[in-house]
Amino acid sequence: MDNLIPTKTIKENGVVAIRNGIKPNPNKLIPIERKPTWLRVKSKNSVKYRQLKEIVSTKKLHTVCEEAMCPNIQECWSHGTATFMLLGSVCTRACKFCAVDTGNPRGILDTEEPNKVANSISNMELKYAVLTSVNRDDLADGGAEHFASTVRAIKEKSPSVIIETLVPDFLGNERSIEILLNSNLEVFAQNVETVERLTERVRDPRAGYHQTLKVLSYAKKYSPTVITKTSLMLGLGESKEEILETFKDIRATGVDVLTLGQYMRPTKNHLPVEKWYTPEEFLEYKECALEFGFVEVASGPMVRSSYRADKIAHLI
């Protein structure tokens, strides 16, 4: 793709979207940074991974793991964990770190999606499933009922599956949060993404540092037994003091689980990487986070929001 040429894409449902979620700006193009050696992924081609890959291929199933080319796919699938994208592929927001197509889905929903996802999870015989989605500000409830319907459909077919939902912020709508929490899920996640100072630069204007904290706080208050979780990207220009202050703010909401990962720039049009953190630095920040009282912390250059989500199963 030529990064200098604005590109749009027309989806199967006729929705027009900006490809990769951001309009090219030829005046601000900075070459993609060279990745350090520790970001190379070693193959772990296990029997379980090959079995799941065969099922996904033959049954034409769709997972975020494959579509986002996640570097952790072999490790997660080998442990019976996979992530599914709900609510379509067009996001109503345009965060500067994300390459998801952006546009207006015009309220379009696949009403069969809850059953499709439930069947996929049953066919894959998963132990732990993560449900995530684009932002859908075009829907009155932000897609909460669709999420809830999917959770209920999964539980009906696979009662023992642990379900984590990595959701939009629903613009802070408490009723939407309640609808989702009433669906019998085990883990509720919403990502703070970055430190407070950088939020305006990194995230869409409709998102917000304090809005995410309020969502997480309300979720824990409404359903104290549900595990709450959030994720922070490092490498966008934050200071150590800001990282520690963010740990403090997050923990104050009652969040149980934190993931820390390296920001990696998807295209030249997205925000540049300001720093590559070493594995040793991630380990140090993990220890710091645990001191703040988080029950579980996943921290490493390749860690993503749903990385080895099954590791927190013992908390449930």
C-alpha atoms as a PDB file:
ATOM      1  CA  MET A   1       0.000   0.000   0.000  1.00  0.00           C
ATOM      2  CA  ASP A   2       1.290   3.475  -0.843  1.00  0.00           C
ATOM      3  CA  ASN A   3       1.180   5.397   2.435  1.00  0.00           C
ATOM      4  CA  LEU A   4       1.073   8.719   0.533  1.00  0.00           C
ATOM      5  CA  ILE A   5      -2.260   8.017  -1.113  1.00  0.00           C
ATOM      6  CA  PRO A   6      -5.441   8.309   0.988  1.00  0.00           C
ATOM      7  CA  THR A   7      -7.228   4.984   0.703  1.00  0.00           C
ATOM      8  CA  LYS A   8     -10.761   3.933   1.468  1.00  0.00           C
ATOM      9  CA  THR A   9     -12.311   0.512   1.471  1.00  0.00           C
ATOM     10  CA  ILE A  10     -15.893  -0.646   0.918  1.00  0.00           C
ATOM     11  CA  LYS A  11     -16.925  -3.496   3.195  1.00  0.00           C
ATOM     12  CA  GLU A  12     -19.212  -6.384   2.268  1.00  0.00           C
ATOM     13  CA  ASN A  13     -22.161  -4.606   3.889  1.00  0.00           C
ATOM     14  CA  GLY A  14     -21.533  -1.443   1.872  1.00  0.00           C
ATOM     15  CA  VAL A  15     -19.948   0.546   4.698  1.00  0.00           C
ATOM     16  CA  VAL A  16     -17.221   2.920   3.506  1.00  0.00           C
ATOM     17  CA  ALA A  17     -14.215   3.029   5.822  1.00  0.00           C
ATOM     18  CA  ILE A  18     -10.751   4.579   6.000  1.00  0.00           C
ATOM     19  CA  ARG A  19      -8.255   1.762   5.576  1.00  0.00           C
ATOM     20  CA  ASN A  20      -5.961   1.214   8.573  1.00  0.00           C
ATOM     21  CA  GLY A  21      -7.972   3.750  10.548  1.00  0.00           C
ATOM     22  CA  ILE A  22      -5.924   6.835   9.714  1.00  0.00           C
ATOM     23  CA  LYS A  23      -5.566   9.247   6.783  1.00  0.00           C
ATOM     24  CA  PRO A  24      -2.023   9.441   5.385  1.00  0.00           C
ATOM     25  CA  ASN A  25      -0.160  12.672   6.095  1.00  0.00           C
ATOM     26  CA  PRO A  26       2.793  13.012   3.682  1.00  0.00           C
ATOM     27  CA  ASN A  27       4.220  15.901   5.718  1.00  0.00           C
ATOM     28  CA  LYS A  28       4.681  13.804   8.850  1.00  0.00           C
ATOM     29  CA  LEU A  29       5.825  10.446   7.547  1.00  0.00           C
ATOM     30  CA  ILE A  30       8.610   8.928   9.634  1.00  0.00           C
ATOM     31  CA  PRO A  31      10.169   5.609   8.542  1.00  0.00           C
ATOM     32  CA  ILE A  32       9.143   2.522  10.504  1.00  0.00           C
ATOM     33  CA  GLU A  33      11.629   1.890  13.304  1.00  0.00           C
ATOM     34  CA  ARG A  34      13.900  -1.140  13.244  1.00  0.00           C
ATOM     35  CA  LYS A  35      12.766  -3.640  15.866  1.00  0.00           C
ATOM     36  CA  PRO A  36      15.282  -4.881  18.435  1.00  0.00           C
ATOM     37  CA  THR A  37      16.383  -8.510  18.429  1.00  0.00           C
ATOM     38  CA  TRP A  38      14.313  -9.484  21.471  1.00  0.00           C
ATOM     39  CA  LEU A  39      11.091  -8.904  19.516  1.00  0.00           C
ATOM     40  CA  ARG A  40      11.722 -11.918  17.306  1.00  0.00           C
ATOM     41  CA  VAL A  41       9.172 -14.675  17.907  1.00  0.00           C
ATOM     42  CA  LYS A  42      10.301 -18.269  18.254  1.00  0.00           C
ATOM     43  CA  SER A  43       8.059 -20.915  16.707  1.00  0.00           C
ATOM     44  CA  LYS A  44       6.193 -23.209  19.106  1.00  0.00           C
ATOM     45  CA  ASN A  45       4.360 -25.434  16.644  1.00  0.00           C
ATOM     46  CA  SER A  46       2.589 -27.718  19.143  1.00  0.00           C
ATOM     47  CA  VAL A  47       0.111 -30.485  18.400  1.00  0.00           C
ATOM     48  CA  LYS A  48      -2.716 -28.469  20.008  1.00  0.00           C
ATOM     49  CA  TYR A  49      -1.895 -25.439  17.864  1.00  0.00           C
ATOM     50  CA  ARG A  50      -1.930 -27.526  14.663  1.00  0.00           C
ATOM     51  CA  GLN A  51      -5.255 -29.083  15.670  1.00  0.00           C
ATOM     52  CA  LEU A  52      -6.891 -25.692  16.252  1.00  0.00           C
ATOM     53  CA  LYS A  53      -5.451 -24.291  13.028  1.00  0.00           C
ATOM     54  CA  GLU A  54      -6.949 -27.212  11.108  1.00  0.00           C
ATOM     55  CA  ILE A  55     -10.374 -26.690  12.716  1.00  0.00           C
ATOM     56  CA  VAL A  56     -10.309 -22.944  12.016  1.00  0.00           C
ATOM     57  CA  SER A  57      -9.309 -23.561   8.401  1.00  0.00           C
ATOM     58  CA  THR A  58     -11.766 -26.347   7.552  1.00  0.00           C
ATOM     59  CA  LYS A  59     -14.741 -24.698   9.251  1.00  0.00           C
ATOM     60  CA  LYS A  60     -13.850 -21.210   7.960  1.00  0.00           C
ATOM     61  CA  LEU A  61     -13.821 -19.704  11.437  1.00  0.00           C
ATOM     62  CA  HIS A  62     -12.523 -16.194  12.153  1.00  0.00           C
ATOM     63  CA  THR A  63     -10.327 -15.161  15.064  1.00  0.00           C
ATOM     64  CA  VAL A  64      -8.546 -11.921  15.908  1.00  0.00           C
ATOM     65  CA  CYS A  65      -5.478 -14.061  16.529  1.00  0.00           C
ATOM     66  CA  GLU A  66      -5.102 -14.840  12.810  1.00  0.00           C
ATOM     67  CA  GLU A  67      -6.612 -11.701  11.300  1.00  0.00           C
ATOM     68  CA  ALA A  68      -4.399  -9.412  13.403  1.00  0.00           C
ATOM     69  CA  MET A  69      -1.384 -11.678  12.778  1.00  0.00           C
ATOM     70  CA  CYS A  70      -0.751 -11.810  16.519  1.00  0.00           C
ATOM     71  CA  PRO A  71       2.798 -12.941  17.326  1.00  0.00           C
ATOM     72  CA  ASN A  72       1.526 -14.936  20.306  1.00  0.00           C
ATOM     73  CA  ILE A  73      -0.965 -17.090  18.386  1.00  0.00           C
ATOM     74  CA  GLN A  74       0.943 -20.362  18.707  1.00  0.00           C
ATOM     75  CA  GLU A  75       1.508 -19.984  22.436  1.00  0.00           C
ATOM     76  CA  CYS A  76      -2.100 -19.002  23.203  1.00  0.00           C
ATOM     77  CA  TRP A  77      -3.718 -21.617  20.957  1.00  0.00           C
ATOM     78  CA  SER A  78      -1.447 -24.280  22.411  1.00  0.00           C
ATOM     79  CA  HIS A  79      -3.059 -23.526  25.775  1.00  0.00           C
ATOM     80  CA  GLY A  80      -6.646 -23.533  24.455  1.00  0.00           C
ATOM     81  CA  THR A  81      -7.155 -19.743  24.313  1.00  0.00           C
ATOM     82  CA  ALA A  82      -8.382 -17.654  21.374  1.00  0.00           C
ATOM     83  CA  THR A  83      -9.782 -14.163  20.757  1.00  0.00           C
ATOM     84  CA  PHE A  84     -12.845 -13.302  18.662  1.00  0.00           C
ATOM     85  CA  MET A  85     -13.817  -9.932  17.187  1.00  0.00           C
ATOM     86  CA  LEU A  86     -17.479  -8.923  17.455  1.00  0.00           C
ATOM     87  CA  LEU A  87     -19.548  -6.109  15.922  1.00  0.00           C
ATOM     88  CA  GLY A  88     -17.869  -6.017  12.525  1.00  0.00           C
ATOM     89  CA  SER A  89     -14.526  -4.699  11.299  1.00  0.00           C
ATOM     90  CA  VAL A  90     -15.233  -0.953  11.093  1.00  0.00           C
ATOM     91  CA  CYS A  91     -14.556   1.172  14.172  1.00  0.00           C
ATOM     92  CA  THR A  92     -16.297   4.484  14.773  1.00  0.00           C
ATOM     93  CA  ARG A  93     -13.125   5.850  16.347  1.00  0.00           C
ATOM     94  CA  ALA A  94      -9.642   6.566  15.015  1.00  0.00           C
ATOM     95  CA  CYS A  95      -6.956   6.099  17.652  1.00  0.00           C
ATOM     96  CA  LYS A  96      -3.444   7.016  16.525  1.00  0.00           C
ATOM     97  CA  PHE A  97      -1.945   3.653  17.514  1.00  0.00           C
ATOM     98  CA  CYS A  98      -4.518   1.347  15.928  1.00  0.00           C
ATOM     99  CA  ALA A  99      -4.782   0.067  12.340  1.00  0.00           C
ATOM    100  CA  VAL A 100      -8.442  -1.033  12.407  1.00  0.00           C
ATOM    101  CA  ASP A 101     -10.497   0.515   9.588  1.00  0.00           C
ATOM    102  CA  THR A 102     -12.603   3.473  10.744  1.00  0.00           C
ATOM    103  CA  GLY A 103     -15.964   4.744   9.525  1.00  0.00           C
ATOM    104  CA  ASN A 104     -19.685   4.734  10.297  1.00  0.00           C
ATOM    105  CA  PRO A 105     -21.203   1.204  10.323  1.00  0.00           C
ATOM    106  CA  ARG A 106     -24.676   2.810  10.301  1.00  0.00           C
ATOM    107  CA  GLY A 107     -26.074   0.549  12.992  1.00  0.00           C
ATOM    108  CA  ILE A 108     -25.525  -2.631  10.961  1.00  0.00           C
ATOM    109  CA  LEU A 109     -25.261  -5.808  13.053  1.00  0.00           C
ATOM    110  CA  ASP A 110     -24.895  -9.489  12.220  1.00  0.00           C
ATOM    111  CA  THR A 111     -27.668 -10.950  14.357  1.00  0.00           C
ATOM    112  CA  GLU A 112     -26.316 -14.457  13.740  1.00  0.00           C
ATOM    113  CA  GLU A 113     -22.885 -13.592  15.108  1.00  0.00           C
ATOM    114  CA  PRO A 114     -23.536 -14.727  18.717  1.00  0.00           C
ATOM    115  CA  ASN A 115     -24.395 -18.245  17.510  1.00  0.00           C
ATOM    116  CA  LYS A 116     -21.536 -18.279  15.000  1.00  0.00           C
ATOM    117  CA  VAL A 117     -19.011 -17.417  17.702  1.00  0.00           C
ATOM    118  CA  ALA A 118     -20.556 -19.912  20.126  1.00  0.00           C
ATOM    119  CA  ASN A 119     -20.301 -22.649  17.491  1.00  0.00           C
ATOM    120  CA  SER A 120     -16.693 -21.690  16.746  1.00  0.00           C
ATOM    121  CA  ILE A 121     -15.709 -21.932  20.399  1.00  0.00           C
ATOM    122  CA  SER A 122     -17.486 -25.265  20.740  1.00  0.00           C
ATOM    123  CA  ASN A 123     -15.770 -26.635  17.618  1.00  0.00           C
ATOM    124  CA  MET A 124     -12.379 -25.449  18.827  1.00  0.00           C
ATOM    125  CA  GLU A 125     -12.981 -26.973  22.267  1.00  0.00           C
ATOM    126  CA  LEU A 126     -11.536 -23.904  23.943  1.00  0.00           C
ATOM    127  CA  LYS A 127     -11.039 -23.576  27.682  1.00  0.00           C
ATOM    128  CA  TYR A 128     -10.821 -19.777  27.660  1.00  0.00           C
ATOM    129  CA  ALA A 129     -12.314 -17.382  25.097  1.00  0.00           C
ATOM    130  CA  VAL A 130     -11.736 -13.653  24.757  1.00  0.00           C
ATOM    131  CA  LEU A 131     -14.391 -11.504  23.082  1.00  0.00           C
ATOM    132  CA  THR A 132     -13.373  -8.081  21.853  1.00  0.00           C
ATOM    133  CA  SER A 133     -14.746  -5.584  19.351  1.00  0.00           C
ATOM    134  CA  VAL A 134     -14.379  -2.326  17.529  1.00  0.00           C
ATOM    135  CA  ASN A 135     -16.012   0.745  19.063  1.00  0.00           C
ATOM    136  CA  ARG A 136     -19.614   1.100  17.943  1.00  0.00           C
ATOM    137  CA  ASP A 137     -20.678   4.618  18.927  1.00  0.00           C
ATOM    138  CA  ASP A 138     -23.371   4.361  16.239  1.00  0.00           C
ATOM    139  CA  LEU A 139     -25.322   1.982  18.506  1.00  0.00           C
ATOM    140  CA  ALA A 140     -27.355   3.350  21.411  1.00  0.00           C
ATOM    141  CA  ASP A 141     -25.831   0.884  23.874  1.00  0.00           C
ATOM    142  CA  GLY A 142     -22.412   0.755  22.214  1.00  0.00           C
ATOM    143  CA  GLY A 143     -22.974  -2.915  21.374  1.00  0.00           C
ATOM    144  CA  ALA A 144     -23.436  -4.087  24.972  1.00  0.00           C
ATOM    145  CA  GLU A 145     -26.500  -6.232  24.283  1.00  0.00           C
ATOM    146  CA  HIS A 146     -24.763  -7.885  21.322  1.00  0.00           C
ATOM    147  CA  PHE A 147     -21.820  -8.729  23.584  1.00  0.00           C
ATOM    148  CA  ALA A 148     -24.201 -10.080  26.231  1.00  0.00           C
ATOM    149  CA  SER A 149     -26.083 -12.203  23.681  1.00  0.00           C
ATOM    150  CA  THR A 150     -22.791 -13.700  22.528  1.00  0.00           C
ATOM    151  CA  VAL A 151     -21.728 -14.541  26.082  1.00  0.00           C
ATOM    152  CA  ARG A 152     -25.094 -16.249  26.747  1.00  0.00           C
ATOM    153  CA  ALA A 153     -24.888 -18.215  23.476  1.00  0.00           C
ATOM    154  CA  ILE A 154     -21.384 -19.428  24.351  1.00  0.00           C
ATOM    155  CA  LYS A 155     -22.405 -20.464  27.854  1.00  0.00           C
ATOM    156  CA  GLU A 156     -25.356 -22.409  26.463  1.00  0.00           C
ATOM    157  CA  LYS A 157     -23.136 -24.462  24.152  1.00  0.00           C
ATOM    158  CA  SER A 158     -19.976 -24.595  26.274  1.00  0.00           C
ATOM    159  CA  PRO A 159     -20.858 -24.000  29.944  1.00  0.00           C
ATOM    160  CA  SER A 160     -17.325 -24.624  31.209  1.00  0.00           C
ATOM    161  CA  VAL A 161     -15.635 -22.038  28.964  1.00  0.00           C
ATOM    162  CA  ILE A 162     -14.256 -19.039  30.841  1.00  0.00           C
ATOM    163  CA  ILE A 163     -15.167 -15.821  29.010  1.00  0.00           C
ATOM    164  CA  GLU A 164     -13.219 -12.591  29.034  1.00  0.00           C
ATOM    165  CA  THR A 165     -14.709  -9.515  27.363  1.00  0.00           C
ATOM    166  CA  LEU A 166     -12.343  -6.772  26.215  1.00  0.00           C
ATOM    167  CA  VAL A 167     -14.896  -4.077  25.552  1.00  0.00           C
ATOM    168  CA  PRO A 168     -15.216  -0.492  24.322  1.00  0.00           C
ATOM    169  CA  ASP A 169     -15.795   2.164  26.980  1.00  0.00           C
ATOM    170  CA  PHE A 170     -19.483   2.527  25.952  1.00  0.00           C
ATOM    171  CA  LEU A 171     -18.904   6.283  26.378  1.00  0.00           C
ATOM    172  CA  GLY A 172     -19.102   5.598  30.096  1.00  0.00           C
ATOM    173  CA  ASN A 173     -22.757   4.500  29.915  1.00  0.00           C
ATOM    174  CA  GLU A 174     -23.412   2.610  33.160  1.00  0.00           C
ATOM    175  CA  ARG A 175     -26.480   0.834  31.809  1.00  0.00           C
ATOM    176  CA  SER A 176     -24.401  -0.680  29.007  1.00  0.00           C
ATOM    177  CA  ILE A 177     -21.840  -1.887  31.530  1.00  0.00           C
ATOM    178  CA  GLU A 178     -24.639  -3.470  33.585  1.00  0.00           C
ATOM    179  CA  ILE A 179     -26.138  -5.227  30.547  1.00  0.00           C
ATOM    180  CA  LEU A 180     -22.816  -6.877  29.827  1.00  0.00           C
ATOM    181  CA  LEU A 181     -22.014  -7.781  33.428  1.00  0.00           C
ATOM    182  CA  ASN A 182     -25.417  -9.443  33.798  1.00  0.00           C
ATOM    183  CA  SER A 183     -24.535 -11.956  31.055  1.00  0.00           C
ATOM    184  CA  ASN A 184     -22.526 -14.328  33.291  1.00  0.00           C
ATOM    185  CA  LEU A 185     -19.036 -13.472  32.034  1.00  0.00           C
ATOM    186  CA  GLU A 186     -15.973 -14.032  34.211  1.00  0.00           C
ATOM    187  CA  VAL A 187     -13.571 -11.245  33.196  1.00  0.00           C
ATOM    188  CA  PHE A 188     -14.341  -7.621  32.257  1.00  0.00           C
ATOM    189  CA  ALA A 189     -11.556  -5.687  30.510  1.00  0.00           C
ATOM    190  CA  GLN A 190     -11.258  -2.148  29.175  1.00  0.00           C
ATOM    191  CA  ASN A 191      -7.886  -0.730  28.212  1.00  0.00           C
ATOM    192  CA  VAL A 192      -6.468   2.517  29.546  1.00  0.00           C
ATOM    193  CA  GLU A 193      -3.830   2.197  26.751  1.00  0.00           C
ATOM    194  CA  THR A 194      -1.436   4.965  27.855  1.00  0.00           C
ATOM    195  CA  VAL A 195      -0.601   7.454  30.602  1.00  0.00           C
ATOM    196  CA  GLU A 196      -2.853  10.448  31.244  1.00  0.00           C
ATOM    197  CA  ARG A 197      -0.586  13.045  29.597  1.00  0.00           C
ATOM    198  CA  LEU A 198      -0.431  11.140  26.311  1.00  0.00           C
ATOM    199  CA  THR A 199      -4.077  10.081  26.124  1.00  0.00           C
ATOM    200  CA  GLU A 200      -5.237  12.997  23.990  1.00  0.00           C
ATOM    201  CA  ARG A 201      -2.377  12.416  21.537  1.00  0.00           C
ATOM    202  CA  VAL A 202      -2.790   8.637  21.388  1.00  0.00           C
ATOM    203  CA  ARG A 203      -6.519   7.912  21.674  1.00  0.00           C
ATOM    204  CA  ASP A 204      -9.625   9.120  19.851  1.00  0.00           C
ATOM    205  CA  PRO A 205     -11.166  12.295  21.384  1.00  0.00           C
ATOM    206  CA  ARG A 206     -14.238  10.304  22.466  1.00  0.00           C
ATOM    207  CA  ALA A 207     -12.064   8.070  24.616  1.00  0.00           C
ATOM    208  CA  GLY A 208     -10.440   9.272  27.804  1.00  0.00           C
ATOM    209  CA  TYR A 209      -8.083   8.296  30.593  1.00  0.00           C
ATOM    210  CA  HIS A 210     -10.558   9.090  33.356  1.00  0.00           C
ATOM    211  CA  GLN A 211     -13.479   7.705  31.378  1.00  0.00           C
ATOM    212  CA  THR A 212     -11.776   4.303  31.203  1.00  0.00           C
ATOM    213  CA  LEU A 213     -10.955   4.428  34.920  1.00  0.00           C
ATOM    214  CA  LYS A 214     -14.603   5.206  35.705  1.00  0.00           C
ATOM    215  CA  VAL A 215     -15.773   2.290  33.558  1.00  0.00           C
ATOM    216  CA  LEU A 216     -13.426  -0.108  35.341  1.00  0.00           C
ATOM    217  CA  SER A 217     -14.379   1.267  38.736  1.00  0.00           C
ATOM    218  CA  TYR A 218     -18.105   0.948  38.053  1.00  0.00           C
ATOM    219  CA  ALA A 219     -17.697  -2.610  36.742  1.00  0.00           C
ATOM    220  CA  LYS A 220     -15.972  -3.693  39.953  1.00  0.00           C
ATOM    221  CA  LYS A 221     -18.543  -1.869  42.085  1.00  0.00           C
ATOM    222  CA  TYR A 222     -21.492  -3.419  40.215  1.00  0.00           C
ATOM    223  CA  SER A 223     -20.039  -6.952  40.098  1.00  0.00           C
ATOM    224  CA  PRO A 224     -17.379  -7.334  42.815  1.00  0.00           C
ATOM    225  CA  THR A 225     -16.778 -11.010  41.974  1.00  0.00           C
ATOM    226  CA  VAL A 226     -15.992 -10.340  38.301  1.00  0.00           C
ATOM    227  CA  ILE A 227     -12.271 -10.083  37.520  1.00  0.00           C
ATOM    228  CA  THR A 228     -11.430  -6.658  36.079  1.00  0.00           C
ATOM    229  CA  LYS A 229      -8.478  -6.104  33.785  1.00  0.00           C
ATOM    230  CA  THR A 230      -6.744  -3.388  31.776  1.00  0.00           C
ATOM    231  CA  SER A 231      -3.702  -2.927  29.547  1.00  0.00           C
ATOM    232  CA  LEU A 232      -0.986  -0.313  29.130  1.00  0.00           C
ATOM    233  CA  MET A 233       1.253   0.176  26.087  1.00  0.00           C
ATOM    234  CA  LEU A 234       4.818   1.353  26.689  1.00  0.00           C
ATOM    235  CA  GLY A 235       7.031   3.133  24.189  1.00  0.00           C
ATOM    236  CA  LEU A 236       4.937   6.199  23.341  1.00  0.00           C
ATOM    237  CA  GLY A 237       7.018   8.723  25.280  1.00  0.00           C
ATOM    238  CA  GLU A 238       5.869   8.133  28.842  1.00  0.00           C
ATOM    239  CA  SER A 239       8.197   8.619  31.822  1.00  0.00           C
ATOM    240  CA  LYS A 240       8.796   6.158  34.652  1.00  0.00           C
ATOM    241  CA  GLU A 241       7.018   8.491  37.060  1.00  0.00           C
ATOM    242  CA  GLU A 242       3.982   8.574  34.755  1.00  0.00           C
ATOM    243  CA  ILE A 243       3.929   4.786  34.468  1.00  0.00           C
ATOM    244  CA  LEU A 244       3.958   4.389  38.245  1.00  0.00           C
ATOM    245  CA  GLU A 245       1.268   7.042  38.651  1.00  0.00           C
ATOM    246  CA  THR A 246      -0.861   5.146  36.130  1.00  0.00           C
ATOM    247  CA  PHE A 247      -0.396   1.927  38.115  1.00  0.00           C
ATOM    248  CA  LYS A 248      -1.650   3.807  41.170  1.00  0.00           C
ATOM    249  CA  ASP A 249      -4.689   5.229  39.356  1.00  0.00           C
ATOM    250  CA  ILE A 250      -5.629   1.871  37.858  1.00  0.00           C
ATOM    251  CA  ARG A 251      -5.280  -0.029  41.105  1.00  0.00           C
ATOM    252  CA  ALA A 252      -7.449   2.564  42.859  1.00  0.00           C
ATOM    253  CA  THR A 253     -10.375   1.423  40.698  1.00  0.00           C
ATOM    254  CA  GLY A 254     -10.039  -2.123  42.047  1.00  0.00           C
ATOM    255  CA  VAL A 255      -8.608  -3.610  38.846  1.00  0.00           C
ATOM    256  CA  ASP A 256      -7.255  -7.109  39.481  1.00  0.00           C
ATOM    257  CA  VAL A 257      -5.153  -7.843  36.392  1.00  0.00           C
ATOM    258  CA  LEU A 258      -2.759  -5.653  34.411  1.00  0.00           C
ATOM    259  CA  THR A 259      -0.934  -6.335  31.146  1.00  0.00           C
ATOM    260  CA  LEU A 260       2.071  -4.341  29.941  1.00  0.00           C
ATOM    261  CA  GLY A 261       3.363  -4.554  26.371  1.00  0.00           C
ATOM    262  CA  GLN A 262       5.550  -2.760  23.848  1.00  0.00           C
ATOM    263  CA  TYR A 263       3.815  -0.383  21.439  1.00  0.00           C
ATOM    264  CA  MET A 264       4.651  -1.349  17.865  1.00  0.00           C
ATOM    265  CA  ARG A 265       3.746   1.024  15.061  1.00  0.00           C
ATOM    266  CA  PRO A 266       1.390  -0.572  12.498  1.00  0.00           C
ATOM    267  CA  THR A 267       2.050   1.859   9.576  1.00  0.00           C
ATOM    268  CA  LYS A 268       4.103   4.964   8.794  1.00  0.00           C
ATOM    269  CA  ASN A 269       0.999   7.070   9.367  1.00  0.00           C
ATOM    270  CA  HIS A 270       0.678   6.021  12.995  1.00  0.00           C
ATOM    271  CA  LEU A 271       2.548   7.353  16.004  1.00  0.00           C
ATOM    272  CA  PRO A 272       6.268   6.527  16.013  1.00  0.00           C
ATOM    273  CA  VAL A 273       7.867   4.369  18.682  1.00  0.00           C
ATOM    274  CA  GLU A 274       9.677   6.619  21.158  1.00  0.00           C
ATOM    275  CA  LYS A 275      11.410   3.826  23.072  1.00  0.00           C
ATOM    276  CA  TRP A 276      11.992   0.080  22.860  1.00  0.00           C
ATOM    277  CA  TYR A 277      11.782  -1.346  26.369  1.00  0.00           C
ATOM    278  CA  THR A 278      13.987  -4.336  27.127  1.00  0.00           C
ATOM    279  CA  PRO A 279      12.675  -7.594  28.608  1.00  0.00           C
ATOM    280  CA  GLU A 280      14.522  -6.674  31.802  1.00  0.00           C
ATOM    281  CA  GLU A 281      12.686  -3.349  32.045  1.00  0.00           C
ATOM    282  CA  PHE A 282       9.357  -5.106  31.569  1.00  0.00           C
ATOM    283  CA  LEU A 283      10.260  -7.471  34.382  1.00  0.00           C
ATOM    284  CA  GLU A 284      11.089  -4.503  36.622  1.00  0.00           C
ATOM    285  CA  TYR A 285       7.740  -2.865  35.872  1.00  0.00           C
ATOM    286  CA  LYS A 286       5.965  -6.142  36.578  1.00  0.00           C
ATOM    287  CA  GLU A 287       7.510  -6.213  40.042  1.00  0.00           C
ATOM    288  CA  CYS A 288       6.517  -2.578  40.570  1.00  0.00           C
ATOM    289  CA  ALA A 289       2.933  -3.283  39.516  1.00  0.00           C
ATOM    290  CA  LEU A 290       2.669  -6.259  41.855  1.00  0.00           C
ATOM    291  CA  GLU A 291       3.761  -4.002  44.713  1.00  0.00           C
ATOM    292  CA  PHE A 292       0.727  -1.815  43.989  1.00  0.00           C
ATOM    293  CA  GLY A 293      -1.474  -4.816  44.750  1.00  0.00           C
ATOM    294  CA  PHE A 294      -2.457  -6.227  41.360  1.00  0.00           C
ATOM    295  CA  VAL A 295      -3.319  -9.909  41.663  1.00  0.00           C
ATOM    296  CA  GLU A 296      -1.777 -10.829  38.309  1.00  0.00           C
ATOM    297  CA  VAL A 297       0.540  -8.923  35.938  1.00  0.00           C
ATOM    298  CA  ALA A 298       1.612 -10.022  32.454  1.00  0.00           C
ATOM    299  CA  SER A 299       4.527  -7.891  31.290  1.00  0.00           C
ATOM    300  CA  GLY A 300       6.811  -8.254  28.282  1.00  0.00           C
ATOM    301  CA  PRO A 301       7.667  -6.781  24.874  1.00  0.00           C
ATOM    302  CA  MET A 302       5.294  -9.146  23.033  1.00  0.00           C
ATOM    303  CA  VAL A 303       2.475  -9.102  25.597  1.00  0.00           C
ATOM    304  CA  ARG A 304      -0.906  -7.964  24.266  1.00  0.00           C
ATOM    305  CA  SER A 305      -4.240  -7.388  26.015  1.00  0.00           C
ATOM    306  CA  SER A 306      -5.384 -10.987  25.767  1.00  0.00           C
ATOM    307  CA  TYR A 307      -1.957 -12.638  25.903  1.00  0.00           C
ATOM    308  CA  ARG A 308      -2.233 -16.015  27.667  1.00  0.00           C
ATOM    309  CA  ALA A 309      -5.508 -14.862  29.199  1.00  0.00           C
ATOM    310  CA  ASP A 310      -5.940 -18.371  30.606  1.00  0.00           C
ATOM    311  CA  LYS A 311      -3.200 -17.628  33.149  1.00  0.00           C
ATOM    312  CA  ILE A 312      -5.773 -15.864  35.314  1.00  0.00           C
ATOM    313  CA  ALA A 313      -8.188 -18.809  35.306  1.00  0.00           C
ATOM    314  CA  HIS A 314      -7.052 -19.722  38.817  1.00  0.00           C
ATOM    315  CA  LEU A 315      -8.539 -16.438  40.081  1.00  0.00           C
ATOM    316  CA  ILE A 316     -12.041 -17.465  39.027  1.00  0.00           C
END
